């Protein structure tokens, strides 16, 4: 129980910061939908899908390799850090330079006419992200969750602040709505059609300002490249690189490829790029599940590696998985049954609610991604990372196949099904292979029951509609309370034992 308490505590810190940070970031959704045309949101979706894909290349699996070789190989953690950071910095600067020089042809390939500067800025974002990746990993390994979370929040505040300044403040000053004395200065550089430019520029400025802080907090390091350390780390990381590439295909290609797979006039009121913007905006409504998964990953990865020598590992891992599924299933239902209300709050312009039915599918997809993160620990602590590539490559194939076959038929829902199908495939494969090489006593039947019931309750609550908002709210959340009661009934013995042990410990103290 002590180990689970430690993991829960770390996850809570990462989770609170992620929830707060993403909630702040989430406020950009009404800002974007209220001030930018759908076509700009489509361009934003494509560009950030590319950034997410290349982000994996710039760090090439070295974060996980750093965790592994700092905890389970008998090496001095500081020496591993110096070599890892040196190599990642060297590669990031080289790749960033290449991307910067290739900006013009990339703009032509992705149909960003006259926007080569966006790809130069993307090169800066990717390079700075990579320069901070291993320092952030070191903060996690050292258990400095509060420091890690605080820096991430500062970065988000800066990014949101710059977005508000460029997209809202400058817009109203240029229009003469506020502060007329500043209008001559703002109109010298502000362009009303520069929506995507200002989103990317905000990201560049926020990252640039946070980099010195991250390096200062982690401490100075000496450039060092030793083949005796980096060669085995690279062998460990190489499959993770391909896993990451396949994984990001699963994660973002549904958004990046959506507009190209959608038949012309599938949605008569929307162009393909506008439909891509609507798809990307609704994707963000699944962000609550995504950030919980991310918080768990931040805390779970170093936790699992640090416990790799514990003979009770399988039982601990099974217990973590069980309560992870319960918590995320409850969260999924709570969000899904209130989606129409959430959508009405965050979509400031019309035409976005057409894609809402896809969001429960995305919530389940992200939940399965979290299940996969739990399952995947077996090949990381047994150094069989080659399986990671096979599994995620299979998921990537499923993603592309579903996009190409179901988007032309089901539109937005088809795009969401690519995410669900991908992570379901990865979970099945990872579970089946893992149980052969590293058996873990998961409560499989109960876990599947929770997942199935959560999915059914999510859509039941989402589709209930009496035409009366108050009655609908009560009915929707009544479905959630019903699911909560069912979970409590199924776990009553476990909960009783947990509460009894807590009371006994408090009484002893």
Protein backbone atom coordinates (compact mmCIF):
# COMPACT_ATOMS: atom_id res chain seq x y z
CA UNK A 1 0.00 0.00 0.00
CA UNK A 2 2.96 2.29 0.69
CA UNK A 3 4.16 1.97 -2.89
CA UNK A 4 0.71 2.72 -4.26
CA UNK A 5 0.45 5.71 -1.93
CA UNK A 6 3.77 7.01 -3.26
CA UNK A 7 2.67 6.56 -6.87
CA UNK A 8 -0.71 8.16 -6.14
CA UNK A 9 0.98 11.11 -4.45
CA UNK A 10 3.35 11.71 -7.34
CA UNK A 11 0.51 11.28 -9.86
CA UNK A 12 -1.59 13.76 -7.87
CA UNK A 13 1.11 16.43 -8.10
CA UNK A 14 1.60 15.86 -11.81
CA UNK A 15 -2.15 15.55 -12.23
CA UNK A 16 -3.05 18.75 -10.40
CA UNK A 17 -0.49 20.71 -12.39
CA UNK A 18 -1.61 19.06 -15.62
CA UNK A 19 -5.28 19.66 -14.88
CA UNK A 20 -4.65 23.27 -13.92
CA UNK A 21 -2.28 23.81 -16.83
CA UNK A 22 -4.46 22.12 -19.40
CA UNK A 23 -7.54 23.86 -18.04
CA UNK A 24 -5.78 27.16 -18.63
CA UNK A 25 -4.66 25.94 -22.04
CA UNK A 26 -8.20 24.68 -22.65
CA UNK A 27 -9.37 28.28 -22.48
CA UNK A 28 -7.64 28.73 -25.82
CA UNK A 29 -10.39 26.62 -27.43
CA UNK A 30 -13.09 29.30 -27.13
CA UNK A 31 -10.45 31.89 -28.02
CA UNK A 32 -9.50 30.06 -31.23
CA UNK A 33 -13.07 29.20 -32.19
CA UNK A 34 -14.23 32.74 -31.45
CA UNK A 35 -11.45 34.71 -33.19
CA UNK A 36 -10.05 32.44 -35.89
CA UNK A 37 -11.73 30.96 -38.96
CA UNK A 38 -12.13 27.19 -39.16
CA UNK A 39 -9.57 27.08 -41.97
CA UNK A 40 -6.91 28.50 -39.63
CA UNK A 41 -7.73 25.82 -37.09
CA UNK A 42 -7.28 23.24 -39.85
CA UNK A 43 -3.81 24.62 -40.62
CA UNK A 44 -2.99 24.63 -36.90
CA UNK A 45 -4.06 20.97 -36.63
CA UNK A 46 -1.83 19.88 -39.51
CA UNK A 47 1.23 21.84 -38.38
CA UNK A 48 1.10 20.56 -34.81
CA UNK A 49 0.58 17.00 -36.02
CA UNK A 50 3.90 17.40 -37.87
CA UNK A 51 5.57 18.90 -34.78
CA UNK A 52 4.35 16.02 -32.61
CA UNK A 53 5.74 13.50 -35.13
CA UNK A 54 9.16 15.18 -35.36
CA UNK A 55 9.33 15.65 -31.59
CA UNK A 56 9.85 11.90 -31.33
CA UNK A 57 12.73 12.05 -33.81
CA UNK A 58 14.43 14.89 -31.93
CA UNK A 59 14.55 12.91 -28.64
CA UNK A 60 14.80 9.41 -30.26
CA UNK A 61 13.74 7.37 -27.22
CA UNK A 62 16.49 8.69 -24.94
CA UNK A 63 14.15 9.79 -22.14
CA UNK A 64 13.10 6.22 -21.33
CA UNK A 65 16.65 5.00 -21.93
CA UNK A 66 17.85 7.60 -19.42
CA UNK A 67 15.43 6.24 -16.78
CA UNK A 68 16.53 2.66 -17.43
CA UNK A 69 20.29 3.25 -17.33
CA UNK A 70 20.11 5.62 -14.37
CA UNK A 71 18.28 3.11 -12.15
CA UNK A 72 18.98 -0.48 -13.14
CA UNK A 73 22.43 -0.75 -14.71
CA UNK A 74 24.83 0.11 -11.89
CA UNK A 75 25.92 3.37 -13.54
CA UNK A 76 26.32 6.75 -11.85
CA UNK A 77 23.11 8.71 -12.62
CA UNK A 78 25.01 11.98 -13.10
CA UNK A 79 27.31 10.37 -15.66
CA UNK A 80 24.33 8.95 -17.53
CA UNK A 81 22.71 12.38 -17.45
CA UNK A 82 25.78 14.18 -18.84
CA UNK A 83 26.13 11.76 -21.75
CA UNK A 84 22.42 11.62 -22.55
CA UNK A 85 21.98 15.39 -22.45
CA UNK A 86 25.10 15.93 -24.56
CA UNK A 87 23.95 13.53 -27.27
CA UNK A 88 20.36 14.83 -27.37
CA UNK A 89 21.56 18.45 -27.59
CA UNK A 90 23.95 17.60 -30.43
CA UNK A 91 21.30 15.75 -32.43
CA UNK A 92 18.60 18.36 -31.75
CA UNK A 93 20.76 21.23 -32.98
CA UNK A 94 21.68 19.32 -36.13
CA UNK A 95 18.09 18.28 -36.93
CA UNK A 96 16.76 21.73 -36.08
CA UNK A 97 19.19 23.32 -38.51
CA UNK A 98 18.19 20.93 -41.29
CA UNK A 99 14.48 21.58 -40.72
CA UNK A 100 15.08 25.35 -40.60
CA UNK A 101 16.83 25.27 -43.98
CA UNK A 102 14.14 23.00 -45.48
CA UNK A 103 11.26 25.30 -44.45
CA UNK A 104 10.37 26.54 -47.95
CA UNK A 105 9.98 23.10 -49.63
CA UNK A 106 8.05 21.81 -46.61
CA UNK A 107 5.63 24.75 -46.86
CA UNK A 108 5.01 23.85 -50.51
CA UNK A 109 4.46 20.14 -49.74
CA UNK A 110 1.89 20.86 -47.00
CA UNK A 111 0.11 23.59 -48.98
CA UNK A 112 1.18 26.48 -46.73
CA UNK A 113 1.73 28.98 -49.52
CA UNK A 114 3.86 31.94 -48.37
CA UNK A 115 4.14 30.46 -44.86
CA UNK A 116 7.68 29.04 -44.83
CA UNK A 117 8.36 31.01 -41.64
CA UNK A 118 5.94 28.72 -39.79
CA UNK A 119 8.21 25.77 -40.45
CA UNK A 120 11.25 27.77 -39.33
CA UNK A 121 9.44 28.54 -36.09
CA UNK A 122 8.47 24.87 -35.81
CA UNK A 123 12.19 24.02 -36.05
CA UNK A 124 12.85 26.33 -33.10
CA UNK A 125 10.02 24.78 -31.06
CA UNK A 126 11.32 21.25 -31.70
CA UNK A 127 14.92 22.15 -30.91
CA UNK A 128 14.11 23.90 -27.63
CA UNK A 129 11.74 21.08 -26.60
CA UNK A 130 14.55 18.57 -27.15
CA UNK A 131 17.06 20.67 -25.21
CA UNK A 132 14.69 20.53 -22.22
CA UNK A 133 13.61 16.88 -22.55
CA UNK A 134 16.36 15.20 -20.54
CA UNK A 135 16.48 17.92 -17.83
CA UNK A 136 12.74 17.41 -17.36
CA UNK A 137 13.31 13.65 -17.20
CA UNK A 138 15.96 14.19 -14.51
CA UNK A 139 13.52 16.21 -12.42
CA UNK A 140 11.09 13.28 -12.59
CA UNK A 141 13.78 10.73 -11.73
CA UNK A 142 14.90 12.81 -8.75
CA UNK A 143 11.33 12.93 -7.46
CA UNK A 144 11.11 16.71 -7.89
CA UNK A 145 7.49 16.56 -8.99
CA UNK A 146 6.60 19.99 -7.60
CA UNK A 147 9.48 21.66 -9.43
CA UNK A 148 8.65 19.83 -12.65
CA UNK A 149 4.97 20.75 -12.39
CA UNK A 150 5.71 24.39 -11.54
CA UNK A 151 7.96 24.89 -14.55
CA UNK A 152 5.41 23.26 -16.84
CA UNK A 153 2.74 25.60 -15.49
CA UNK A 154 4.93 28.67 -16.05
CA UNK A 155 5.44 27.55 -19.64
CA UNK A 156 1.70 27.17 -20.13
CA UNK A 157 0.96 30.57 -18.57
CA UNK A 158 3.47 32.19 -20.91
CA UNK A 159 2.04 30.43 -23.95
CA UNK A 160 -1.54 31.35 -23.08
CA UNK A 161 -0.52 34.92 -22.26
CA UNK A 162 1.17 35.40 -25.61
CA UNK A 163 -1.86 33.89 -27.40
CA UNK A 164 -4.20 36.30 -25.66
CA UNK A 165 -1.89 39.23 -26.39
CA UNK A 166 -1.55 38.51 -30.12
CA UNK A 167 -5.00 37.11 -30.95
CA UNK A 168 -7.30 39.10 -28.64
CA UNK A 169 -5.54 42.19 -27.28
CA UNK A 170 -3.79 43.20 -30.51
CA UNK A 171 -6.95 42.53 -32.53
CA UNK A 172 -9.05 44.92 -30.44
CA UNK A 173 -6.35 47.59 -30.29
CA UNK A 174 -5.88 47.43 -34.07
CA UNK A 175 -9.65 47.76 -34.53
CA UNK A 176 -9.74 50.80 -32.25
CA UNK A 177 -11.93 49.05 -29.67
CA UNK A 178 -9.54 49.70 -26.76
CA UNK A 179 -6.45 51.83 -25.98
CA UNK A 180 -6.56 54.07 -29.07
CA UNK A 181 -3.16 55.57 -28.19
CA UNK A 182 -1.53 52.21 -28.85
CA UNK A 183 -3.23 51.68 -32.22
CA UNK A 184 -0.45 53.23 -34.37
CA UNK A 185 2.16 50.97 -32.79
CA UNK A 186 0.08 47.76 -33.02
CA UNK A 187 -1.01 48.34 -36.62
CA UNK A 188 2.65 48.46 -37.65
CA UNK A 189 3.06 44.73 -37.09
CA UNK A 190 -0.40 43.21 -36.48
CA UNK A 191 -2.08 41.34 -39.33
CA UNK A 192 -5.70 40.24 -38.98
CA UNK A 193 -5.05 37.16 -41.13
CA UNK A 194 -2.09 36.01 -38.99
CA UNK A 195 -4.01 33.62 -36.72
CA UNK A 196 -1.82 30.52 -37.13
CA UNK A 197 1.32 32.68 -37.12
CA UNK A 198 0.48 34.04 -33.68
CA UNK A 199 -0.27 30.58 -32.25
CA UNK A 200 3.13 29.26 -33.34
CA UNK A 201 4.98 32.45 -32.38
CA UNK A 202 3.48 32.27 -28.88
CA UNK A 203 4.82 28.74 -28.52
CA UNK A 204 8.30 29.80 -29.66
CA UNK A 205 8.47 32.71 -27.22
CA UNK A 206 7.18 30.66 -24.27
CA UNK A 207 9.70 27.87 -24.89
CA UNK A 208 12.56 30.30 -25.41
CA UNK A 209 11.88 32.05 -22.10
CA UNK A 210 11.54 28.83 -20.10
CA UNK A 211 14.73 27.12 -21.34
CA UNK A 212 17.20 29.03 -19.07
CA UNK A 213 14.98 28.34 -16.04
CA UNK A 214 14.91 24.57 -16.70
CA UNK A 215 18.68 24.38 -17.09
CA UNK A 216 19.26 26.45 -13.96
CA UNK A 217 16.97 24.24 -11.85
CA UNK A 218 18.58 21.01 -12.98
CA UNK A 219 22.12 22.35 -12.62
CA UNK A 220 25.11 22.70 -14.87
CA UNK A 221 26.42 19.78 -16.87
CA UNK A 222 29.65 19.04 -18.73
CA UNK A 223 29.57 17.99 -22.36
CA UNK A 224 30.56 14.33 -22.48
CA UNK A 225 30.12 11.57 -25.06
CA UNK A 226 31.34 8.12 -24.00
CA UNK A 227 30.65 5.22 -26.34
CA UNK A 228 30.76 2.74 -23.45
CA UNK A 229 27.66 4.41 -21.99
CA UNK A 230 25.84 5.66 -25.08
CA UNK A 231 26.17 2.54 -27.26
CA UNK A 232 24.02 0.30 -25.03
CA UNK A 233 21.68 3.20 -24.36
CA UNK A 234 21.22 3.66 -28.09
CA UNK A 235 20.54 -0.07 -28.57
CA UNK A 236 17.87 0.18 -25.90
CA UNK A 237 16.41 3.40 -27.31
CA UNK A 238 16.33 2.49 -31.02
CA UNK A 239 13.19 0.33 -30.79
CA UNK A 240 11.65 3.06 -28.62
CA UNK A 241 12.32 5.58 -31.39
CA UNK A 242 10.36 3.49 -33.87
CA UNK A 243 7.73 2.85 -31.20
CA UNK A 244 7.44 6.59 -30.72
CA UNK A 245 7.12 7.24 -34.43
CA UNK A 246 4.43 4.61 -34.77
CA UNK A 247 2.78 5.86 -31.58
CA UNK A 248 2.64 9.46 -32.71
CA UNK A 249 1.18 8.23 -35.98
CA UNK A 250 -1.58 6.75 -33.88
CA UNK A 251 -1.88 9.87 -31.75
CA UNK A 252 -1.90 12.70 -34.29
CA UNK A 253 -2.17 11.35 -37.80
CA UNK A 254 -5.91 10.97 -37.49
CA UNK A 255 -5.99 14.76 -37.18
CA UNK A 256 -3.31 15.36 -39.78
CA UNK A 257 -4.76 13.01 -42.41
CA UNK A 258 -8.43 13.67 -41.71
CA UNK A 259 -8.94 16.46 -44.23
CA UNK A 260 -7.16 14.47 -46.96
CA UNK A 261 -9.27 11.34 -46.36
CA UNK A 262 -12.58 13.22 -46.19
CA UNK A 263 -14.44 13.18 -49.53
CA UNK A 264 -15.24 16.52 -51.10
CA UNK A 265 -18.56 17.99 -49.91
CA UNK A 266 -18.98 15.26 -47.28
CA UNK A 267 -20.08 18.11 -45.03
CA UNK A 268 -21.62 20.59 -47.49
CA UNK A 269 -21.27 23.53 -45.12
CA UNK A 270 -17.52 22.90 -44.58
CA UNK A 271 -14.44 22.72 -46.79
CA UNK A 272 -12.02 19.87 -46.11
CA UNK A 273 -9.65 22.14 -44.17
CA UNK A 274 -12.53 23.67 -42.19
CA UNK A 275 -13.76 20.17 -41.35
CA UNK A 276 -10.22 19.40 -40.18
CA UNK A 277 -10.44 22.42 -37.90
CA UNK A 278 -13.76 21.22 -36.44
CA UNK A 279 -12.27 17.75 -35.96
CA UNK A 280 -9.20 19.17 -34.19
CA UNK A 281 -11.30 21.44 -31.95
CA UNK A 282 -13.48 18.53 -30.80
CA UNK A 283 -10.36 16.44 -30.24
CA UNK A 284 -9.44 18.93 -27.53
CA UNK A 285 -12.61 18.05 -25.59
CA UNK A 286 -10.99 14.68 -24.85
CA UNK A 287 -8.08 16.54 -23.27
CA UNK A 288 -9.24 15.78 -19.71
CA UNK A 289 -8.63 12.06 -20.19
CA UNK A 290 -5.42 12.78 -22.07
CA UNK A 291 -3.93 14.89 -19.28
CA UNK A 292 -4.76 12.26 -16.64
CA UNK A 293 -2.95 9.69 -18.77
CA UNK A 294 -0.01 12.07 -19.15
CA UNK A 295 0.12 12.73 -15.40
CA UNK A 296 0.12 8.99 -14.73
CA UNK A 297 2.91 8.49 -17.27
CA UNK A 298 5.03 11.23 -15.68
CA UNK A 299 4.77 9.58 -12.26
CA UNK A 300 4.50 5.95 -13.33
CA UNK A 301 7.54 5.60 -15.59
CA UNK A 302 10.22 6.45 -12.99
CA UNK A 303 8.17 4.63 -10.31
CA UNK A 304 8.07 1.39 -12.30
CA UNK A 305 11.80 1.51 -13.04
CA UNK A 306 12.69 2.23 -9.43
CA UNK A 307 10.62 -0.79 -8.34
CA UNK A 308 12.13 -3.10 -10.99
CA UNK A 309 14.08 -5.08 -8.36
CA UNK A 310 11.09 -5.68 -6.09
CA UNK A 311 10.02 -9.34 -6.06
CA UNK A 312 6.41 -8.27 -5.47
CA UNK A 313 6.36 -6.28 -8.73
CA UNK A 314 3.67 -8.32 -10.54
CA UNK A 315 1.17 -7.89 -7.70
CA UNK A 316 1.96 -4.16 -7.42
CA UNK A 317 1.57 -3.64 -11.17
CA UNK A 318 -1.74 -5.51 -11.20
CA UNK A 319 -3.08 -3.40 -8.35
CA UNK A 320 -2.01 -0.17 -10.06
CA UNK A 321 -3.76 -1.25 -13.27
CA UNK A 322 -6.98 -2.15 -11.44
CA UNK A 323 -7.41 1.20 -9.72
CA UNK A 324 -6.24 3.07 -12.78
CA UNK A 325 -9.07 1.54 -14.84
CA UNK A 326 -11.62 2.31 -12.14
CA UNK A 327 -10.59 5.95 -11.79
CA UNK A 328 -10.38 6.62 -15.53
CA UNK A 329 -13.67 4.83 -16.26
CA UNK A 330 -15.44 7.09 -13.77
CA UNK A 331 -13.78 10.14 -15.29
CA UNK A 332 -14.76 9.07 -18.80
CA UNK A 333 -18.45 8.72 -17.91
CA UNK A 334 -18.48 12.01 -15.97
CA UNK A 335 -17.12 13.89 -18.98
CA UNK A 336 -19.10 12.08 -21.67
CA UNK A 337 -22.53 12.59 -20.12
CA UNK A 338 -21.88 16.34 -19.90
CA UNK A 339 -20.35 16.82 -23.34
CA UNK A 340 -23.16 18.93 -24.76
CA UNK A 341 -22.87 21.33 -21.84
CA UNK A 342 -19.07 21.43 -22.13
CA UNK A 343 -19.31 22.00 -25.87
CA UNK A 344 -21.71 24.89 -25.47
CA UNK A 345 -19.29 26.57 -23.07
CA UNK A 346 -16.16 26.23 -25.17
CA UNK A 347 -17.32 26.55 -28.77
CA UNK A 348 -17.86 30.28 -29.21
CA UNK A 349 -18.80 29.98 -32.88
CA UNK A 350 -21.39 27.73 -34.49
CA UNK A 351 -20.72 24.59 -36.49
CA UNK A 352 -18.43 22.77 -34.06
CA UNK A 353 -21.06 20.73 -32.21
CA UNK A 354 -21.59 18.58 -35.30
CA UNK A 355 -18.55 16.51 -34.26
CA UNK A 356 -19.49 16.01 -30.59
CA UNK A 357 -20.64 12.36 -31.04
CA UNK A 358 -17.04 11.37 -31.73
CA UNK A 359 -15.74 12.54 -28.33
CA UNK A 360 -16.83 9.53 -26.18
CA UNK A 361 -14.93 7.33 -28.62
CA UNK A 362 -11.83 9.48 -28.13
CA UNK A 363 -12.22 9.33 -24.34
CA UNK A 364 -12.22 5.53 -24.49
CA UNK A 365 -9.27 5.62 -26.87
CA UNK A 366 -7.21 7.69 -24.44
CA UNK A 367 -8.26 5.42 -21.56
CA UNK A 368 -6.93 2.44 -23.51
CA UNK A 369 -3.71 4.36 -24.12
CA UNK A 370 -3.33 4.59 -20.34
CA UNK A 371 -3.97 0.86 -20.04
CA UNK A 372 -1.22 0.35 -22.62
CA UNK A 373 1.22 2.48 -20.59
CA UNK A 374 0.52 0.16 -17.64
CA UNK A 375 0.96 -2.97 -19.72
CA UNK A 376 4.10 -1.79 -21.50
CA UNK A 377 6.27 -1.82 -18.38
CA UNK A 378 7.08 -5.50 -18.94
CA UNK A 379 9.19 -4.92 -22.05
CA UNK A 380 10.90 -1.87 -20.54
CA UNK A 381 12.12 -3.52 -17.35
CA UNK A 382 13.09 -6.75 -19.18
CA UNK A 383 15.03 -4.81 -21.85
CA UNK A 384 12.92 -6.31 -24.65
CA UNK A 385 12.05 -2.97 -26.19
CA UNK A 386 11.99 -4.46 -29.69
CA UNK A 387 8.43 -5.58 -28.94
CA UNK A 388 7.45 -1.94 -28.48
CA UNK A 389 8.06 -1.32 -32.16
CA UNK A 390 6.08 -4.34 -33.32
CA UNK A 391 3.10 -3.42 -31.16
CA UNK A 392 2.97 0.28 -32.00
CA UNK A 393 3.64 -0.37 -35.68
CA UNK A 394 0.57 -2.62 -35.72
CA UNK A 395 -1.36 0.21 -34.06
CA UNK A 396 -0.12 2.67 -36.68
CA UNK A 397 -1.28 0.39 -39.49
CA UNK A 398 -4.71 0.14 -37.90
CA UNK A 399 -4.84 3.94 -37.59
CA UNK A 400 -4.08 4.54 -41.25
CA UNK A 401 -6.38 1.76 -42.48
CA UNK A 402 -9.34 3.02 -40.45
CA UNK A 403 -8.77 6.61 -41.53
CA UNK A 404 -8.68 5.63 -45.18
CA UNK A 405 -11.70 3.29 -44.98
CA UNK A 406 -14.01 4.76 -42.33
CA UNK A 407 -13.49 8.52 -42.60
CA UNK A 408 -15.00 8.52 -46.14
CA UNK A 409 -18.02 6.67 -44.69
CA UNK A 410 -18.51 8.07 -41.18
CA UNK A 411 -16.62 11.38 -41.28
CA UNK A 412 -15.76 12.67 -37.80
CA UNK A 413 -16.76 9.43 -36.07
CA UNK A 414 -14.58 7.47 -38.51
CA UNK A 415 -11.61 9.62 -37.53
CA UNK A 416 -12.24 8.98 -33.84
CA UNK A 417 -12.57 5.24 -34.45
CA UNK A 418 -9.02 5.24 -35.79
CA UNK A 419 -7.79 6.31 -32.35
CA UNK A 420 -9.93 3.74 -30.56
CA UNK A 421 -9.01 0.92 -32.96
CA UNK A 422 -5.33 1.73 -32.73
CA UNK A 423 -5.08 1.66 -28.94
CA UNK A 424 -7.36 -1.37 -28.63
CA UNK A 425 -5.02 -3.26 -30.98
CA UNK A 426 -1.97 -2.20 -28.97
CA UNK A 427 -3.57 -3.21 -25.66
CA UNK A 428 -4.50 -6.67 -26.94
CA UNK A 429 -1.06 -7.36 -28.41
CA UNK A 430 0.85 -5.98 -25.43
CA UNK A 431 -1.23 -8.01 -22.99
CA UNK A 432 -0.94 -11.29 -24.89
CA UNK A 433 2.81 -11.02 -25.49
CA UNK A 434 3.55 -9.64 -22.03
CA UNK A 435 1.80 -12.48 -20.22
CA UNK A 436 4.16 -14.92 -21.95
CA UNK A 437 7.38 -13.10 -21.03
CA UNK A 438 6.44 -11.39 -17.74
CA UNK A 439 3.16 -12.71 -16.28
CA UNK A 440 1.21 -10.22 -14.18
CA UNK A 441 -2.00 -11.23 -12.34
CA UNK A 442 -4.28 -8.56 -13.76
CA UNK A 443 -7.99 -8.63 -12.89
CA UNK A 444 -8.75 -8.92 -16.58
CA UNK A 445 -12.43 -9.84 -16.49
CA UNK A 446 -13.32 -7.14 -14.00
CA UNK A 447 -11.26 -4.58 -15.92
CA UNK A 448 -13.02 -5.43 -19.19
CA UNK A 449 -16.38 -5.18 -17.43
CA UNK A 450 -15.60 -1.67 -16.21
CA UNK A 451 -14.42 -0.57 -19.65
CA UNK A 452 -17.48 -1.97 -21.41
CA UNK A 453 -19.92 -0.49 -18.90
CA UNK A 454 -18.16 2.88 -19.01
CA UNK A 455 -18.48 3.02 -22.79
CA UNK A 456 -22.18 2.11 -22.70
CA UNK A 457 -22.94 4.60 -19.91
CA UNK A 458 -21.03 7.34 -21.75
CA UNK A 459 -23.18 7.08 -24.86
CA UNK A 460 -26.37 6.46 -22.91
CA UNK A 461 -25.84 9.69 -21.00
CA UNK A 462 -24.71 11.60 -24.08
CA UNK A 463 -27.75 10.74 -26.23
CA UNK A 464 -30.44 11.21 -23.57
CA UNK A 465 -32.42 14.27 -24.65
CA UNK A 466 -35.81 15.40 -23.33
CA UNK A 467 -35.59 18.95 -24.67
CA UNK A 468 -35.49 20.34 -21.12
CA UNK A 469 -31.93 21.39 -20.14
CA UNK A 470 -32.51 20.92 -16.40
CA UNK A 471 -34.06 17.49 -16.80
CA UNK A 472 -31.32 16.50 -19.26
CA UNK A 473 -28.60 17.55 -16.80
CA UNK A 474 -30.19 15.48 -14.03
CA UNK A 475 -30.65 12.45 -16.27
CA UNK A 476 -27.14 12.63 -17.70
CA UNK A 477 -25.52 12.84 -14.28
CA UNK A 478 -27.92 10.24 -12.96
CA UNK A 479 -26.26 7.81 -15.39
CA UNK A 480 -22.89 8.73 -13.90
CA UNK A 481 -24.15 8.24 -10.34
CA UNK A 482 -25.57 4.86 -11.34
CA UNK A 483 -22.18 3.81 -12.71
CA UNK A 484 -20.45 5.13 -9.56
CA UNK A 485 -22.81 3.10 -7.36
CA UNK A 486 -22.12 -0.01 -9.43
CA UNK A 487 -18.36 0.45 -9.02
CA UNK A 488 -18.77 0.97 -5.28
CA UNK A 489 -20.83 -2.21 -5.01
CA UNK A 490 -18.25 -4.27 -6.95
CA UNK A 491 -15.35 -2.89 -4.91
CA UNK A 492 -17.02 -2.69 -1.49
CA UNK A 493 -14.84 -5.39 0.09
CA UNK A 494 -11.64 -3.81 -1.21
CA UNK A 495 -12.74 -0.36 -0.10
CA UNK A 496 -13.70 -1.65 3.35
CA UNK A 497 -10.27 -3.23 3.76
CA UNK A 498 -8.59 -0.02 2.61
CA UNK A 499 -10.56 2.25 4.94
CA UNK A 500 -10.08 -0.17 7.84
CA UNK A 501 -6.29 -0.19 7.36
CA UNK A 502 -6.22 3.61 7.19
CA UNK A 503 -8.23 3.92 10.41
CA UNK A 504 -6.00 1.36 12.11
CA UNK A 505 -2.84 3.24 11.06
CA UNK A 506 -4.25 6.59 12.19
CA UNK A 507 -5.29 5.10 15.52
CA UNK A 508 -1.79 3.67 16.02
CA UNK A 509 -0.23 7.05 15.36
